């Protein structure tokens, strides 16, 4: 779950407005360098945060 929270945190820092914007930027090497693994998909990030909220 750590990559999901890290990706969401970096998404906020990068001022990406939505999970869709994050998904479109998925091929950028920035994400792989920071996460040290492939970026989780927008659906995965959304599911994790929906689960954490409930």
C-alpha atoms as a PDB file:
ATOM      1  CA  UNK A   1       0.000   0.000   0.000  1.00  0.00           C
ATOM      2  CA  UNK A   2       2.959   2.308   0.425  1.00  0.00           C
ATOM      3  CA  UNK A   3       3.326   3.020  -3.317  1.00  0.00           C
ATOM      4  CA  UNK A   4      -0.322   4.075  -3.444  1.00  0.00           C
ATOM      5  CA  UNK A   5       0.053   6.637  -0.661  1.00  0.00           C
ATOM      6  CA  UNK A   6       3.385   7.841  -2.022  1.00  0.00           C
ATOM      7  CA  UNK A   7       1.881   8.265  -5.493  1.00  0.00           C
ATOM      8  CA  UNK A   8      -1.073  10.203  -4.062  1.00  0.00           C
ATOM      9  CA  UNK A   9       1.240  12.433  -2.025  1.00  0.00           C
ATOM     10  CA  UNK A  10       3.441  13.144  -5.036  1.00  0.00           C
ATOM     11  CA  UNK A  11       0.305  13.783  -7.090  1.00  0.00           C
ATOM     12  CA  UNK A  12      -0.613  16.573  -4.671  1.00  0.00           C
ATOM     13  CA  UNK A  13       2.908  18.005  -4.720  1.00  0.00           C
ATOM     14  CA  UNK A  14       2.969  17.936  -8.519  1.00  0.00           C
ATOM     15  CA  UNK A  15      -0.402  19.696  -8.503  1.00  0.00           C
ATOM     16  CA  UNK A  16      -2.059  17.116 -10.708  1.00  0.00           C
ATOM     17  CA  UNK A  17      -5.775  17.842 -10.525  1.00  0.00           C
ATOM     18  CA  UNK A  18      -7.153  14.329 -10.727  1.00  0.00           C
ATOM     19  CA  UNK A  19      -6.421  10.638 -10.798  1.00  0.00           C
ATOM     20  CA  UNK A  20      -7.081  10.806 -14.535  1.00  0.00           C
ATOM     21  CA  UNK A  21      -4.199  13.284 -14.921  1.00  0.00           C
ATOM     22  CA  UNK A  22      -2.001  10.925 -12.929  1.00  0.00           C
ATOM     23  CA  UNK A  23      -2.965   8.029 -15.203  1.00  0.00           C
ATOM     24  CA  UNK A  24      -2.066  10.057 -18.305  1.00  0.00           C
ATOM     25  CA  UNK A  25       1.362  10.822 -16.839  1.00  0.00           C
ATOM     26  CA  UNK A  26       2.034   7.171 -16.003  1.00  0.00           C
ATOM     27  CA  UNK A  27       4.849   6.738 -18.556  1.00  0.00           C
ATOM     28  CA  UNK A  28       6.941   9.553 -17.073  1.00  0.00           C
ATOM     29  CA  UNK A  29      10.213   8.237 -15.558  1.00  0.00           C
ATOM     30  CA  UNK A  30       9.692  10.622 -12.619  1.00  0.00           C
ATOM     31  CA  UNK A  31       7.196   8.198 -11.071  1.00  0.00           C
ATOM     32  CA  UNK A  32       9.416   5.147 -11.413  1.00  0.00           C
ATOM     33  CA  UNK A  33      12.391   6.957  -9.858  1.00  0.00           C
ATOM     34  CA  UNK A  34      10.347   8.138  -6.881  1.00  0.00           C
ATOM     35  CA  UNK A  35       8.333   4.981  -6.280  1.00  0.00           C
ATOM     36  CA  UNK A  36      11.049   2.493  -7.310  1.00  0.00           C
ATOM     37  CA  UNK A  37       8.332   0.456  -9.043  1.00  0.00           C
ATOM     38  CA  UNK A  38       5.608   1.068 -11.621  1.00  0.00           C
ATOM     39  CA  UNK A  39       2.982   3.644 -10.750  1.00  0.00           C
ATOM     40  CA  UNK A  40      -0.252   2.099  -9.449  1.00  0.00           C
ATOM     41  CA  UNK A  41      -3.238   2.706 -11.704  1.00  0.00           C
ATOM     42  CA  UNK A  42      -5.803   5.400 -11.006  1.00  0.00           C
ATOM     43  CA  UNK A  43      -8.418   2.725 -10.254  1.00  0.00           C
ATOM     44  CA  UNK A  44      -6.177   1.135  -7.630  1.00  0.00           C
ATOM     45  CA  UNK A  45      -5.442   4.449  -5.942  1.00  0.00           C
ATOM     46  CA  UNK A  46      -9.140   5.356  -5.956  1.00  0.00           C
ATOM     47  CA  UNK A  47     -10.126   1.984  -4.442  1.00  0.00           C
ATOM     48  CA  UNK A  48      -7.540   2.262  -1.668  1.00  0.00           C
ATOM     49  CA  UNK A  49      -8.682   5.733  -0.670  1.00  0.00           C
ATOM     50  CA  UNK A  50     -12.357   4.747  -0.861  1.00  0.00           C
ATOM     51  CA  UNK A  51     -11.602   1.772   1.405  1.00  0.00           C
ATOM     52  CA  UNK A  52      -9.623   3.908   3.873  1.00  0.00           C
ATOM     53  CA  UNK A  53     -12.471   6.424   4.101  1.00  0.00           C
ATOM     54  CA  UNK A  54     -15.144   3.839   4.948  1.00  0.00           C
END
